[in-house]
Structure formats: C-alpha cells, structure tokens
Amino acid sequence: MATKTPQTLQEAIIYFADYENCRKAVEAIRWPDGVVKCPSCGSEKVTYLANQRRWKCYEKHPKAQFSLKVGTIFEDSPIGLEKWLPALWMVTACKNGISSYELARALGVTQKTAWFMLSRLRLALQSDTEKFSGYVEVDETFIGGTARFMHKAKRERVMRGTRPDTGTTKPPSSARSSVVATANRVRPSFVLFRTLGARP
C-alpha cells in the first residue's frame, strides 16, 4: 500500500519525523531512476550502511562514504532532514510565502536557523528565465488608480502618470509582467513574442 503524501503541516511533520520516510523522499528526488550513484565518481557500485545512514562507494577515491546531504543544499548543515523536509513542504505549499518567524515557530528552531533554511530553499527553488510554451494566459491592466471614480481634472492628471502593464502567466505557478508604453494590439504581441520565443 502506497504511503499517503502529507496534506497538512501536521501530517508533514509526523511523516518526516521518520528517517526512513526522509530517506525515501530524498532518494526519489536525487535518483528518480532508483539507482543510487556516488556523488564523487558517479559509480553505481555502492551499498547502504543502515547503522551509519550512509552509503559506501567501492571505487578507489577519497571520501568513499557519503550521506544523503552530500551534493545538496542540505550539505554542511547540522540541521536534520526531519526539519529540512517539513520546511521545504511549507515553502512549496504556502502560496503566499512564509516568514522566518513563522517557520521557526512551526519547526521549533530559532529565527536565525529558520532564516538560514529559507535562504537555501528559496535559492534552490529559483528557476532560470526561460521561454514559456504550451498553454499561456495573457492580460493587461492599468496601474495607478481607478480613473472612473475621479473628477475629470484629476482623472486627466492621474492618467498621464498611469502606465499599462501586460502580464503573462504559465499556469499553475509561473508569472511575468512588464510595463508597456501603450495598450494597443502591437505592444502585447511583442511581449508575447519575447516571452514565448515565437510569434502568436
């Protein structure tokens, strides 16, 4: 029977409190094909040392033993995976983001430790700027005030300082926006061309 994926923070903390669950989760991310490889030489001739919670590579090179943390953002950190993985779950599950104070309260660590964890996790989750493809949504809006509720004189003055903004999204998570000089059909087409890498 497959283990249910944690759906709440409480479930995530309980689930990742078991090291075996942490090990399986990190293994699935690091080696999706199921074959554990040495991070130093890439050899598949490794064996798991359960008592030490480490792997041993049988090729001849320094640092033949390695842990799950080696070669990851968790490396050189005394913080255990039972803290790192719930933190990762929170960062990816909380749509509005989380603060270091909130993470510290949830995991029972200091704010300084939580800040350090968030810094590494956010850096790891950053994606390179790449062209969108597939289904993409585009819309525009005026930023700077709601003109219809203003007096005519003020509306004309405010609209001179109001710039149209075009937003491009790749559901469900990626989004980009850019200020455009005019909201006619030509300028958004240029934004699409630049974002998608092909003319609409």
Protein backbone atom coordinates (compact mmCIF):
# COMPACT_ATOMS: atom_id res chain seq x y z
CA MET A 1 0.00 0.00 0.00
CA ALA A 2 1.48 3.36 -1.02
CA THR A 3 2.12 5.91 1.70
CA LYS A 4 -0.17 8.90 1.53
CA THR A 5 1.54 12.18 0.69
CA PRO A 6 1.30 14.70 3.59
CA GLN A 7 -1.53 17.18 3.01
CA THR A 8 -1.14 19.36 6.10
CA LEU A 9 1.79 20.70 8.09
CA GLN A 10 0.97 18.38 10.99
CA GLU A 11 1.00 15.38 8.66
CA ALA A 12 4.28 16.54 7.09
CA ILE A 13 5.98 16.90 10.49
CA ILE A 14 4.77 13.47 11.63
CA TYR A 15 5.65 11.83 8.29
CA PHE A 16 9.17 13.25 8.06
CA ALA A 17 9.91 12.54 11.72
CA ASP A 18 10.67 9.00 10.50
CA TYR A 19 14.15 8.97 8.90
CA GLU A 20 13.16 6.20 6.50
CA ASN A 21 10.47 8.45 5.02
CA CYS A 22 13.04 11.24 4.68
CA ARG A 23 15.48 8.88 3.01
CA LYS A 24 12.93 7.60 0.51
CA ALA A 25 11.75 11.14 -0.32
CA VAL A 26 15.27 12.48 -0.94
CA GLU A 27 16.27 9.34 -2.87
CA ALA A 28 13.27 9.79 -5.16
CA ILE A 29 14.35 13.38 -5.88
CA ARG A 30 18.10 12.73 -6.27
CA TRP A 31 17.90 9.42 -8.11
CA PRO A 32 14.49 9.24 -9.84
CA ASP A 33 15.54 6.13 -11.75
CA GLY A 34 16.03 4.32 -8.43
CA VAL A 35 19.77 3.76 -8.92
CA VAL A 36 21.92 5.35 -6.21
CA LYS A 37 25.16 6.80 -7.58
CA CYS A 38 28.26 8.08 -5.84
CA PRO A 39 28.28 11.92 -5.95
CA SER A 40 32.08 11.91 -6.28
CA CYS A 41 32.67 9.49 -9.16
CA GLY A 42 29.17 8.58 -10.39
CA SER A 43 29.70 4.88 -9.78
CA GLU A 44 26.72 2.64 -9.12
CA LYS A 45 28.85 0.22 -7.07
CA VAL A 46 27.55 1.45 -3.73
CA THR A 47 25.96 -0.18 -0.72
CA TYR A 48 23.82 1.30 2.03
CA LEU A 49 25.15 1.17 5.60
CA ALA A 50 21.94 1.25 7.62
CA ASN A 51 23.59 1.73 11.03
CA GLN A 52 25.54 4.77 9.81
CA ARG A 53 22.80 6.04 7.50
CA ARG A 54 25.40 6.42 4.78
CA TRP A 55 26.40 4.80 1.52
CA LYS A 56 29.80 3.36 0.70
CA CYS A 57 31.32 3.55 -2.78
CA TYR A 58 33.65 0.69 -3.72
CA GLU A 59 35.65 2.72 -6.23
CA LYS A 60 39.07 3.90 -5.05
CA HIS A 61 38.87 7.59 -4.22
CA PRO A 62 38.78 9.83 -1.10
CA LYS A 63 35.52 10.20 0.78
CA ALA A 64 34.19 6.82 -0.27
CA GLN A 65 31.31 7.16 2.18
CA PHE A 66 28.58 9.73 1.58
CA SER A 67 25.23 10.68 3.07
CA LEU A 68 22.00 11.93 1.55
CA LYS A 69 23.07 15.52 2.20
CA VAL A 70 26.24 15.40 0.12
CA GLY A 71 25.88 17.45 -3.05
CA THR A 72 22.59 19.06 -1.96
CA ILE A 73 21.51 22.29 -0.27
CA PHE A 74 21.42 20.30 2.98
CA GLU A 75 25.18 19.66 2.89
CA ASP A 76 27.38 21.20 5.62
CA SER A 77 24.28 21.80 7.74
CA PRO A 78 23.83 20.28 11.20
CA ILE A 79 20.06 20.53 10.75
CA GLY A 80 18.45 17.14 10.24
CA LEU A 81 16.25 16.14 7.32
CA GLU A 82 13.32 15.88 9.75
CA LYS A 83 13.48 19.71 9.86
CA TRP A 84 14.54 20.41 6.28
CA LEU A 85 11.77 18.46 4.56
CA PRO A 86 8.83 19.95 6.50
CA ALA A 87 10.39 23.36 5.78
CA LEU A 88 10.51 22.50 2.08
CA TRP A 89 6.89 21.34 2.29
CA MET A 90 5.87 24.67 3.84
CA VAL A 91 7.72 26.76 1.27
CA THR A 92 6.11 24.94 -1.64
CA ALA A 93 2.64 24.56 -0.09
CA CYS A 94 2.15 28.11 1.23
CA LYS A 95 1.05 30.11 -1.79
CA ASN A 96 1.61 33.47 -0.09
CA GLY A 97 5.04 32.53 1.23
CA ILE A 98 6.24 32.21 4.81
CA SER A 99 8.48 34.27 7.06
CA SER A 100 11.44 33.02 9.06
CA TYR A 101 9.48 33.69 12.26
CA GLU A 102 6.58 31.54 11.09
CA LEU A 103 8.93 28.74 10.07
CA ALA A 104 10.77 28.97 13.39
CA ARG A 105 7.52 28.59 15.35
CA ALA A 106 6.34 25.67 13.22
CA LEU A 107 9.60 23.68 13.42
CA GLY A 108 10.74 24.65 16.92
CA VAL A 109 14.01 26.24 15.77
CA THR A 110 15.47 29.70 16.25
CA GLN A 111 14.60 32.53 13.87
CA LYS A 112 18.24 32.65 12.73
CA THR A 113 18.13 28.96 11.82
CA ALA A 114 14.81 29.40 10.02
CA TRP A 115 16.23 32.34 8.04
CA PHE A 116 19.21 30.22 7.01
CA MET A 117 16.93 27.39 5.90
CA LEU A 118 14.65 29.71 3.92
CA SER A 119 17.63 31.30 2.18
CA ARG A 120 18.87 27.94 0.92
CA LEU A 121 15.42 26.66 -0.01
CA ARG A 122 14.46 29.81 -1.93
CA LEU A 123 17.77 29.75 -3.81
CA ALA A 124 17.24 26.11 -4.75
CA LEU A 125 13.68 26.79 -5.94
CA GLN A 126 14.69 29.64 -8.23
CA SER A 127 14.26 28.80 -11.90
CA ASP A 128 16.17 30.19 -14.84
CA THR A 129 14.34 32.67 -17.04
CA GLU A 130 13.08 30.59 -19.93
CA LYS A 131 10.55 30.93 -22.69
CA PHE A 132 7.00 29.86 -21.88
CA SER A 133 5.42 27.17 -24.02
CA GLY A 134 2.11 25.36 -24.23
CA TYR A 135 -0.98 26.96 -22.69
CA VAL A 136 -0.21 30.57 -21.67
CA GLU A 137 -2.58 33.28 -20.38
CA VAL A 138 -2.05 36.98 -21.18
CA ASP A 139 -3.90 40.00 -19.81
CA GLU A 140 -3.32 43.71 -19.29
CA THR A 141 -4.27 46.23 -16.62
CA PHE A 142 -3.72 49.88 -15.77
CA ILE A 143 -1.79 50.51 -12.55
CA GLY A 144 -2.01 53.88 -10.86
CA GLY A 145 -5.62 54.49 -9.81
CA THR A 146 -9.25 53.82 -10.63
CA ALA A 147 -10.00 56.59 -13.11
CA ARG A 148 -13.78 56.22 -13.25
CA PHE A 149 -14.19 57.33 -9.62
CA MET A 150 -12.15 60.51 -10.09
CA HIS A 151 -13.10 64.07 -11.01
CA LYS A 152 -12.38 64.82 -14.67
CA ALA A 153 -9.50 67.19 -13.92
CA LYS A 154 -7.85 64.73 -11.52
CA ARG A 155 -8.52 61.81 -13.86
CA GLU A 156 -6.67 63.51 -16.71
CA ARG A 157 -3.76 64.35 -14.40
CA VAL A 158 -3.51 60.82 -12.96
CA MET A 159 -3.88 59.07 -16.30
CA ARG A 160 -0.83 60.89 -17.56
CA GLY A 161 1.17 59.05 -14.90
CA THR A 162 -0.61 55.72 -15.32
CA ARG A 163 1.19 53.03 -17.31
CA PRO A 164 -0.40 49.95 -18.87
CA ASP A 165 1.10 46.67 -17.67
CA THR A 166 0.99 43.35 -19.52
CA GLY A 167 1.04 40.13 -17.52
CA THR A 168 1.95 36.71 -18.89
CA THR A 169 1.30 33.55 -16.87
CA LYS A 170 2.10 29.88 -17.30
CA PRO A 171 -0.46 28.05 -15.14
CA PRO A 172 -0.34 26.96 -12.45
CA SER A 173 2.67 28.78 -10.95
CA SER A 174 4.81 30.89 -13.29
CA ALA A 175 4.03 34.53 -13.99
CA ARG A 176 5.76 37.55 -15.51
CA SER A 177 4.74 41.15 -16.01
CA SER A 178 6.15 44.08 -17.94
CA VAL A 179 5.28 47.75 -18.31
CA VAL A 180 4.28 48.68 -21.85
CA ALA A 181 4.15 52.09 -23.47
CA THR A 182 0.71 51.55 -24.97
CA ALA A 183 -2.10 49.04 -24.60
CA ASN A 184 -2.73 48.62 -28.34
CA ARG A 185 -2.56 45.25 -30.09
CA VAL A 186 1.01 45.67 -31.33
CA ARG A 187 2.79 46.04 -27.99
CA PRO A 188 1.23 42.97 -26.25
CA SER A 189 2.14 40.94 -29.35
CA PHE A 190 5.76 41.97 -28.87
CA VAL A 191 5.57 40.96 -25.20
CA LEU A 192 4.21 37.57 -26.26
CA PHE A 193 6.98 37.15 -28.83
CA ARG A 194 9.64 37.94 -26.23
CA THR A 195 8.07 35.67 -23.59
CA LEU A 196 7.19 32.68 -25.76
CA GLY A 197 10.03 32.84 -28.22
CA ALA A 198 7.59 32.66 -31.14
CA ARG A 199 5.00 34.96 -32.66
CA PRO A 200 1.39 34.31 -31.51
